[in-house]
Amino acid sequence: MSQSSSEVRSPRRKRAAEPVHGVPGWLIALFAVASGMTVANLYYAQPLLSELRGVFHIGEATAGALITLTQVGYVLGMVFLVPLGDRLEKRSLITALLTVTTLALVAAGLATGFPMLLIASLISGATSVVAQILVPFAASLAPDHARGRIVGRVMSGLLTGILLSRTLSSLVSGAAGWRVVYLGSAVLMALLGVALRLALPRQAPTTSVPYHHVLRSTAALVRTHPALLRRGLYQAAMFGAFSAFWTTVSYVLTGPRFHYSAVGVGVFALVGAAGAAVAPLAGHWADHGLTRRMTGAALALAALAFVIAGFGQHSVILIALGALVLDAAVQTSLILGQHTVYQLDPLARARLNSAFIAIFFVGGALGSQVGSIAYRAGGWSAVSLFAAALPVLALLYWLTERRQGAKPATA
């Protein structure tokens, strides 16, 4: 009986030790946590804008420029740094970028004037593209049949980092001041750099062409793959709406109607974090060929979110419901888009991801700045109208797919 029992238990132990979908579960978790921690650097300032206005004696539009410039830095990093993920050994590249991120965050935390904070944020935004090197890294390790699910799990960590960053920033700022937000993140980036250096497998470059050829080939990919540009434009509209919402909602919540503190804004941001739960589902939909259908649904839901939030300018419950619907829609569209993009050329995933993210972060930067201007000009109603128009335009563009004969798997 003991031999039989041992024979039964042994396969169970063996199965338990097997990697999930060909990739160890702990490595997927590390990818997810690291992606969330690095991308969070782009969003720590959003709930701090009201406080920073008082500290540096600046207006709403000027304060909004902090978010815009951070996202511009991210676009620059996507264009000039992420393509190096195909040209250089990824683990060493990630270590170097996190070192620069750490130094930039220290400079932001010690900033003596708003221009210094802007420059430090531009640099930290550029080097925080580590998240977008890790996602295609994970995709390259995954087998074809499970790539959508693994990318979905990693993206759920990244998206949770985006959403929880606001809450963490508000809580830390309320307890210890805004400078500790940046200095604390610098410590986290230093620790993360060490952890990734020790844990990540080495991965040989997929191309040996010179750097300027890598940049040129990245631009060429946009012309070669129409689906890349299409998915980038969809997400540019979604991310523009997303950025407009989260850049200005802190003004509404801290304003005369609701009187929220910085901590209160952070607690409110937890509502949006619930939307990250859709990420694994989106990966599942992508693996089952539902990319086009669910993209249309996500665009429609994003527009609906601003109808709800727009009517809710006197009700925090409606604004919160709008935030939840918006975040779920944006995350769904993003994961479906990345799944499509990664299928276009397995040997150029870093460059494809670079072009994709750069395109839609331009939309995010414009959304932040125009959203701030719209709020100053017409309040929350103007922001809602502007932001709702973006996914509506994308939905109209989405309707042209079928007439052009686009295939669901690639567009």
Protein backbone atom coordinates (compact mmCIF):
# COMPACT_ATOMS: atom_id res chain seq x y z
CA MET A 1 0.00 0.00 0.00
CA SER A 2 2.84 2.39 0.83
CA GLN A 3 4.40 1.80 -2.58
CA SER A 4 1.08 2.45 -4.28
CA SER A 5 0.57 5.55 -2.17
CA SER A 6 4.04 6.78 -3.06
CA GLU A 7 3.37 6.19 -6.73
CA VAL A 8 0.19 8.27 -6.47
CA ARG A 9 1.78 11.06 -4.46
CA SER A 10 4.86 11.39 -6.65
CA PRO A 11 3.02 12.41 -9.84
CA ARG A 12 1.01 14.90 -7.78
CA ARG A 13 4.18 16.49 -6.44
CA LYS A 14 5.62 16.50 -9.93
CA ARG A 15 2.55 18.20 -11.38
CA ALA A 16 2.56 20.78 -8.60
CA ALA A 17 6.15 21.72 -9.41
CA GLU A 18 5.50 22.10 -13.16
CA PRO A 19 5.47 25.65 -14.53
CA VAL A 20 2.10 27.21 -15.24
CA HIS A 21 1.60 27.34 -19.04
CA GLY A 22 5.35 26.68 -19.49
CA VAL A 23 6.46 29.64 -17.30
CA PRO A 24 7.08 29.29 -13.52
CA GLY A 25 4.27 30.85 -11.50
CA TRP A 26 6.68 32.81 -9.29
CA LEU A 27 8.28 34.37 -12.38
CA ILE A 28 4.90 35.47 -13.75
CA ALA A 29 4.17 37.03 -10.34
CA LEU A 30 7.54 38.83 -10.37
CA PHE A 31 6.88 40.18 -13.85
CA ALA A 32 3.47 41.43 -12.70
CA VAL A 33 4.74 43.09 -9.50
CA ALA A 34 7.73 44.67 -11.23
CA SER A 35 5.57 46.03 -14.05
CA GLY A 36 3.12 47.54 -11.57
CA MET A 37 5.86 49.11 -9.44
CA THR A 38 7.65 50.76 -12.37
CA VAL A 39 4.61 52.09 -14.22
CA ALA A 40 3.26 53.52 -10.94
CA ASN A 41 5.95 56.22 -11.21
CA LEU A 42 3.89 57.87 -13.96
CA TYR A 43 0.85 58.35 -11.74
CA TYR A 44 2.04 59.23 -8.25
CA ALA A 45 1.64 62.94 -9.01
CA GLN A 46 -2.02 62.82 -10.10
CA PRO A 47 -3.61 63.04 -6.61
CA LEU A 48 -0.90 65.50 -5.51
CA LEU A 49 -1.71 68.23 -8.03
CA SER A 50 -3.86 70.27 -5.65
CA GLU A 51 -1.09 70.17 -3.00
CA LEU A 52 1.66 70.96 -5.51
CA ARG A 53 -0.30 73.99 -6.75
CA GLY A 54 -0.07 75.46 -3.26
CA VAL A 55 3.56 74.48 -2.67
CA PHE A 56 4.89 75.94 -5.93
CA HIS A 57 2.20 78.64 -6.39
CA ILE A 58 1.08 77.50 -9.84
CA GLY A 59 -2.25 77.26 -11.66
CA GLU A 60 -4.29 74.20 -12.66
CA ALA A 61 -3.06 74.05 -16.25
CA THR A 62 0.57 74.42 -15.13
CA ALA A 63 0.15 71.69 -12.52
CA GLY A 64 -1.41 69.46 -15.18
CA ALA A 65 1.78 69.92 -17.23
CA LEU A 66 3.55 67.70 -14.66
CA ILE A 67 1.41 64.73 -15.75
CA THR A 68 1.74 65.66 -19.41
CA LEU A 69 5.54 65.94 -19.28
CA THR A 70 5.87 62.65 -17.39
CA GLN A 71 3.87 60.95 -20.14
CA VAL A 72 5.92 62.71 -22.83
CA GLY A 73 8.98 61.23 -21.14
CA TYR A 74 7.35 57.81 -21.33
CA VAL A 75 6.73 58.28 -25.06
CA LEU A 76 10.39 59.23 -25.57
CA GLY A 77 11.43 56.14 -23.61
CA MET A 78 9.14 53.97 -25.73
CA VAL A 79 10.59 55.37 -28.95
CA PHE A 80 14.29 55.43 -28.03
CA LEU A 81 14.77 52.91 -25.20
CA VAL A 82 12.28 50.04 -25.51
CA PRO A 83 13.48 49.01 -29.02
CA LEU A 84 16.81 48.24 -27.34
CA GLY A 85 15.02 45.24 -25.83
CA ASP A 86 15.47 43.52 -29.20
CA ARG A 87 19.06 44.77 -29.59
CA LEU A 88 20.56 44.24 -26.09
CA GLU A 89 20.44 41.60 -23.40
CA LYS A 90 17.24 42.49 -21.55
CA ARG A 91 18.34 41.85 -17.97
CA SER A 92 21.28 44.28 -18.24
CA LEU A 93 19.12 46.89 -19.98
CA ILE A 94 16.50 46.67 -17.21
CA THR A 95 19.17 47.09 -14.51
CA ALA A 96 20.60 50.20 -16.18
CA LEU A 97 17.19 51.82 -16.64
CA LEU A 98 16.13 51.22 -13.04
CA THR A 99 19.36 52.80 -11.82
CA VAL A 100 18.57 56.01 -13.73
CA THR A 101 14.95 55.89 -12.54
CA THR A 102 16.15 55.72 -8.93
CA LEU A 103 18.36 58.78 -9.34
CA ALA A 104 15.62 60.76 -11.09
CA LEU A 105 13.11 60.02 -8.33
CA VAL A 106 15.61 61.17 -5.70
CA ALA A 107 15.97 64.43 -7.63
CA ALA A 108 12.17 64.81 -7.78
CA GLY A 109 11.86 64.27 -4.04
CA LEU A 110 14.52 66.91 -3.36
CA ALA A 111 13.20 69.42 -5.94
CA THR A 112 13.51 73.05 -4.82
CA GLY A 113 11.36 74.42 -7.64
CA PHE A 114 8.69 73.28 -10.09
CA PRO A 115 11.04 73.26 -13.13
CA MET A 116 13.36 70.84 -11.32
CA LEU A 117 10.39 68.58 -10.54
CA LEU A 118 9.33 68.72 -14.21
CA ILE A 119 12.79 67.71 -15.47
CA ALA A 120 13.14 64.89 -12.94
CA SER A 121 9.66 63.62 -13.84
CA LEU A 122 10.51 63.71 -17.55
CA ILE A 123 13.57 61.52 -16.91
CA SER A 124 11.83 59.10 -14.54
CA GLY A 125 8.96 58.83 -17.02
CA ALA A 126 11.38 57.94 -19.81
CA THR A 127 13.18 55.22 -17.84
CA SER A 128 10.02 53.76 -16.29
CA VAL A 129 9.47 52.02 -19.64
CA VAL A 130 10.99 48.99 -17.90
CA ALA A 131 7.38 47.83 -17.56
CA GLN A 132 7.09 47.71 -21.35
CA ILE A 133 10.28 45.69 -21.67
CA LEU A 134 9.03 43.18 -19.11
CA VAL A 135 5.67 42.55 -20.82
CA PRO A 136 7.12 41.40 -24.18
CA PHE A 137 9.80 39.55 -22.18
CA ALA A 138 7.03 37.52 -20.54
CA ALA A 139 5.27 37.08 -23.89
CA SER A 140 8.46 35.67 -25.43
CA LEU A 141 8.72 33.05 -22.66
CA ALA A 142 5.09 31.94 -23.04
CA PRO A 143 3.88 29.20 -25.39
CA ASP A 144 1.60 30.36 -28.20
CA HIS A 145 -1.57 28.76 -26.81
CA ALA A 146 -1.22 30.54 -23.42
CA ARG A 147 0.37 33.84 -24.43
CA GLY A 148 -2.83 35.86 -23.98
CA ARG A 149 -3.42 34.51 -20.48
CA ILE A 150 0.17 35.08 -19.34
CA VAL A 151 0.28 38.59 -20.78
CA GLY A 152 -3.10 39.18 -19.12
CA ARG A 153 -1.68 38.16 -15.73
CA VAL A 154 1.36 40.38 -16.12
CA MET A 155 -0.81 43.24 -17.33
CA SER A 156 -3.13 42.82 -14.34
CA GLY A 157 -0.09 43.63 -12.18
CA LEU A 158 0.83 46.59 -14.35
CA LEU A 159 -2.72 47.93 -14.35
CA THR A 160 -3.09 47.41 -10.62
CA GLY A 161 0.11 49.44 -10.20
CA ILE A 162 -1.40 52.26 -12.26
CA LEU A 163 -4.55 52.31 -10.18
CA LEU A 164 -3.11 51.72 -6.70
CA SER A 165 -0.35 54.28 -7.29
CA ARG A 166 -2.84 57.08 -6.68
CA THR A 167 -4.02 55.58 -3.40
CA LEU A 168 -0.47 54.92 -2.18
CA SER A 169 0.61 58.42 -3.19
CA SER A 170 -2.31 60.02 -1.35
CA LEU A 171 -1.80 58.01 1.83
CA VAL A 172 1.96 58.60 1.96
CA SER A 173 1.57 62.28 1.16
CA GLY A 174 -1.09 62.71 3.82
CA ALA A 175 1.10 61.03 6.42
CA ALA A 176 4.61 62.26 5.54
CA GLY A 177 4.41 64.82 2.72
CA TRP A 178 4.67 64.69 -1.06
CA ARG A 179 8.47 64.46 -1.11
CA VAL A 180 8.38 61.08 0.63
CA VAL A 181 6.26 59.74 -2.23
CA TYR A 182 9.14 60.24 -4.65
CA LEU A 183 11.92 59.28 -2.23
CA GLY A 184 10.06 56.13 -1.19
CA SER A 185 9.61 55.12 -4.82
CA ALA A 186 13.33 55.64 -5.36
CA VAL A 187 14.04 53.07 -2.63
CA LEU A 188 11.57 50.64 -4.21
CA MET A 189 13.20 51.02 -7.64
CA ALA A 190 16.65 50.30 -6.18
CA LEU A 191 15.39 47.14 -4.47
CA LEU A 192 13.50 46.08 -7.61
CA GLY A 193 16.63 46.50 -9.72
CA VAL A 194 18.51 44.09 -7.47
CA ALA A 195 15.65 41.55 -7.41
CA LEU A 196 15.25 41.51 -11.19
CA ARG A 197 19.00 41.26 -11.73
CA LEU A 198 19.08 38.13 -9.59
CA ALA A 199 15.87 36.48 -10.80
CA LEU A 200 15.45 37.15 -14.52
CA PRO A 201 16.83 34.62 -17.01
CA ARG A 202 19.32 35.87 -19.56
CA GLN A 203 17.76 36.33 -22.98
CA ALA A 204 19.87 36.83 -26.07
CA PRO A 205 19.09 39.78 -28.37
CA THR A 206 16.86 38.95 -31.35
CA THR A 207 18.70 41.30 -33.72
CA SER A 208 22.28 42.51 -34.16
CA VAL A 209 21.65 45.47 -36.46
CA PRO A 210 22.99 48.91 -35.39
CA TYR A 211 20.89 51.06 -33.03
CA HIS A 212 19.84 53.57 -35.69
CA HIS A 213 18.65 50.70 -37.86
CA VAL A 214 16.61 49.41 -34.91
CA LEU A 215 14.92 52.82 -34.59
CA ARG A 216 14.32 52.97 -38.34
CA SER A 217 12.85 49.46 -38.35
CA THR A 218 10.53 50.41 -35.49
CA ALA A 219 9.05 53.21 -37.58
CA ALA A 220 8.85 50.85 -40.57
CA LEU A 221 6.78 48.39 -38.55
CA VAL A 222 3.98 50.98 -38.33
CA ARG A 223 3.85 51.11 -42.14
CA THR A 224 4.26 47.35 -42.56
CA HIS A 225 1.53 46.32 -40.12
CA PRO A 226 -1.72 48.32 -40.46
CA ALA A 227 -3.10 46.52 -37.40
CA LEU A 228 -0.34 48.09 -35.27
CA LEU A 229 -1.41 51.62 -36.17
CA ARG A 230 -5.08 50.77 -35.80
CA ARG A 231 -4.66 49.29 -32.34
CA GLY A 232 -2.44 52.21 -31.33
CA LEU A 233 -5.10 54.72 -32.38
CA TYR A 234 -7.84 52.82 -30.53
CA GLN A 235 -5.77 52.90 -27.38
CA ALA A 236 -4.71 56.53 -27.89
CA ALA A 237 -8.38 57.51 -27.71
CA MET A 238 -8.98 55.30 -24.67
CA PHE A 239 -5.89 56.47 -22.82
CA GLY A 240 -6.60 60.10 -23.63
CA ALA A 241 -10.01 59.73 -21.98
CA PHE A 242 -8.48 57.83 -19.06
CA SER A 243 -5.82 60.52 -18.48
CA ALA A 244 -8.33 63.36 -18.74
CA PHE A 245 -10.47 61.70 -16.06
CA TRP A 246 -7.74 60.91 -13.54
CA THR A 247 -5.87 64.18 -14.01
CA THR A 248 -8.93 66.32 -13.23
CA VAL A 249 -11.03 64.23 -10.86
CA SER A 250 -8.82 65.25 -7.93
CA TYR A 251 -9.85 68.88 -8.55
CA VAL A 252 -13.51 67.85 -8.35
CA LEU A 253 -13.10 65.77 -5.19
CA THR A 254 -11.00 68.36 -3.33
CA GLY A 255 -13.25 71.21 -4.50
CA PRO A 256 -16.06 73.02 -2.67
CA ARG A 257 -18.69 70.34 -3.28
CA PHE A 258 -16.94 67.28 -1.81
CA HIS A 259 -14.02 68.72 0.26
CA TYR A 260 -11.96 65.52 0.02
CA SER A 261 -8.48 65.45 1.54
CA ALA A 262 -5.52 63.93 -0.32
CA VAL A 263 -6.16 60.71 1.59
CA GLY A 264 -9.80 60.80 0.55
CA VAL A 265 -8.79 61.09 -3.11
CA GLY A 266 -6.53 58.08 -2.62
CA VAL A 267 -9.31 56.01 -1.12
CA PHE A 268 -11.54 56.99 -4.04
CA ALA A 269 -8.87 55.71 -6.45
CA LEU A 270 -9.30 52.22 -4.97
CA VAL A 271 -12.62 52.03 -6.81
CA GLY A 272 -10.82 52.13 -10.12
CA ALA A 273 -8.40 49.43 -8.99
CA ALA A 274 -11.25 46.93 -9.05
CA GLY A 275 -11.23 47.28 -12.83
CA ALA A 276 -7.89 45.45 -12.96
CA ALA A 277 -9.81 42.19 -12.35
CA VAL A 278 -10.85 42.23 -16.01
CA ALA A 279 -7.25 41.79 -17.25
CA PRO A 280 -7.12 37.95 -17.13
CA LEU A 281 -10.58 37.82 -18.74
CA ALA A 282 -9.38 40.03 -21.58
CA GLY A 283 -6.45 37.67 -22.15
CA HIS A 284 -8.90 34.75 -22.26
CA TRP A 285 -11.08 36.56 -24.82
CA ALA A 286 -8.01 37.25 -26.95
CA ASP A 287 -6.94 33.58 -26.89
CA HIS A 288 -10.45 32.60 -28.05
CA GLY A 289 -10.61 34.93 -31.05
CA LEU A 290 -12.95 37.54 -29.57
CA THR A 291 -10.56 40.48 -30.04
CA ARG A 292 -12.62 42.55 -32.46
CA ARG A 293 -15.97 42.03 -30.73
CA MET A 294 -14.69 42.85 -27.25
CA THR A 295 -12.76 45.87 -28.56
CA GLY A 296 -16.03 47.39 -29.78
CA ALA A 297 -17.67 46.64 -26.45
CA ALA A 298 -14.78 48.27 -24.57
CA LEU A 299 -14.97 51.45 -26.65
CA ALA A 300 -18.71 51.70 -26.10
CA LEU A 301 -18.32 51.15 -22.35
CA ALA A 302 -15.69 53.89 -22.11
CA ALA A 303 -18.08 56.39 -23.69
CA LEU A 304 -20.86 55.22 -21.34
CA ALA A 305 -18.53 55.73 -18.36
CA PHE A 306 -18.37 59.45 -19.08
CA VAL A 307 -22.12 59.71 -19.46
CA ILE A 308 -22.40 58.25 -15.95
CA ALA A 309 -19.57 60.36 -14.52
CA GLY A 310 -20.80 63.52 -16.25
CA PHE A 311 -24.21 63.25 -14.65
CA GLY A 312 -22.48 62.48 -11.37
CA GLN A 313 -20.73 65.78 -10.80
CA HIS A 314 -22.95 66.19 -7.72
CA SER A 315 -22.76 62.50 -6.72
CA VAL A 316 -19.50 60.79 -5.79
CA ILE A 317 -21.20 57.40 -6.25
CA LEU A 318 -21.84 58.07 -9.93
CA ILE A 319 -18.31 59.39 -10.44
CA ALA A 320 -16.96 56.22 -8.78
CA LEU A 321 -19.15 54.01 -10.98
CA GLY A 322 -17.91 55.86 -14.05
CA ALA A 323 -14.30 55.33 -12.89
CA LEU A 324 -14.85 51.60 -12.46
CA VAL A 325 -16.44 51.17 -15.90
CA LEU A 326 -13.79 53.36 -17.56
CA ASP A 327 -10.82 51.52 -16.04
CA ALA A 328 -12.22 48.10 -16.95
CA ALA A 329 -12.85 49.25 -20.54
CA VAL A 330 -9.38 50.78 -20.96
CA GLN A 331 -7.67 47.68 -19.57
CA THR A 332 -9.67 45.35 -21.82
CA SER A 333 -8.77 47.35 -24.92
CA LEU A 334 -5.10 47.50 -23.92
CA ILE A 335 -4.68 43.75 -23.41
CA LEU A 336 -6.56 42.91 -26.61
CA GLY A 337 -4.35 45.36 -28.45
CA GLN A 338 -1.11 43.95 -27.07
CA HIS A 339 -2.20 40.41 -27.89
CA THR A 340 -2.79 41.48 -31.49
CA VAL A 341 0.50 43.37 -31.73
CA TYR A 342 2.62 40.52 -30.32
CA GLN A 343 1.33 38.18 -33.03
CA LEU A 344 2.55 40.38 -35.87
CA ASP A 345 6.27 39.49 -35.65
CA PRO A 346 7.70 37.29 -32.85
CA LEU A 347 11.25 38.56 -33.53
CA ALA A 348 10.30 42.23 -33.11
CA ARG A 349 8.03 42.20 -30.07
CA ALA A 350 9.98 44.89 -28.19
CA ARG A 351 9.89 47.23 -31.21
CA LEU A 352 6.22 46.49 -31.90
CA ASN A 353 5.38 47.19 -28.28
CA SER A 354 7.48 50.36 -28.42
CA ALA A 355 5.51 51.73 -31.36
CA PHE A 356 2.16 50.66 -29.92
CA ILE A 357 2.70 52.23 -26.50
CA ALA A 358 4.30 55.39 -27.95
CA ILE A 359 1.25 55.97 -30.17
CA PHE A 360 -1.28 55.70 -27.39
CA PHE A 361 0.77 57.57 -24.78
CA VAL A 362 0.71 60.57 -27.11
CA GLY A 363 -3.07 60.33 -26.70
CA GLY A 364 -2.61 60.13 -22.93
CA ALA A 365 -0.39 63.20 -22.82
CA LEU A 366 -2.87 65.20 -24.90
CA GLY A 367 -5.74 63.94 -22.75
CA SER A 368 -4.04 65.14 -19.56
CA GLN A 369 -3.30 68.60 -20.90
CA VAL A 370 -6.57 69.20 -22.78
CA GLY A 371 -8.50 67.76 -19.83
CA SER A 372 -6.86 70.30 -17.50
CA ILE A 373 -7.67 73.13 -19.91
CA ALA A 374 -11.26 71.89 -20.31
CA TYR A 375 -11.70 71.78 -16.54
CA ARG A 376 -10.45 75.34 -16.16
CA ALA A 377 -12.76 76.50 -18.98
CA GLY A 378 -15.96 74.58 -18.22
CA GLY A 379 -15.55 72.40 -15.15
CA TRP A 380 -16.32 68.70 -14.89
CA SER A 381 -19.03 68.82 -17.58
CA ALA A 382 -16.51 70.06 -20.16
CA VAL A 383 -14.06 67.31 -19.19
CA SER A 384 -16.77 64.66 -19.51
CA LEU A 385 -17.83 65.86 -22.96
CA PHE A 386 -14.26 66.00 -24.23
CA ALA A 387 -13.32 62.61 -22.82
CA ALA A 388 -16.52 60.88 -24.01
CA ALA A 389 -15.89 62.10 -27.56
CA LEU A 390 -12.57 60.22 -27.76
CA PRO A 391 -13.88 56.62 -27.49
CA VAL A 392 -16.87 57.58 -29.66
CA LEU A 393 -14.47 58.62 -32.45
CA ALA A 394 -12.51 55.39 -31.95
CA LEU A 395 -15.75 53.39 -32.12
CA LEU A 396 -16.59 55.01 -35.47
CA TYR A 397 -13.12 54.03 -36.68
CA TRP A 398 -13.66 50.50 -35.35
CA LEU A 399 -16.76 50.20 -37.56
CA THR A 400 -14.54 50.51 -40.65
CA GLU A 401 -12.70 47.26 -39.86
CA ARG A 402 -15.31 44.99 -41.37
CA ARG A 403 -15.72 47.12 -44.50
CA GLN A 404 -11.97 46.91 -45.01
CA GLY A 405 -12.00 43.15 -44.50
CA ALA A 406 -9.84 43.23 -41.37
CA LYS A 407 -9.44 39.87 -39.66
CA PRO A 408 -10.39 39.63 -35.97
CA ALA A 409 -7.11 38.00 -35.06
CA THR A 410 -4.97 40.79 -36.40
CA ALA A 411 -6.97 43.99 -36.04
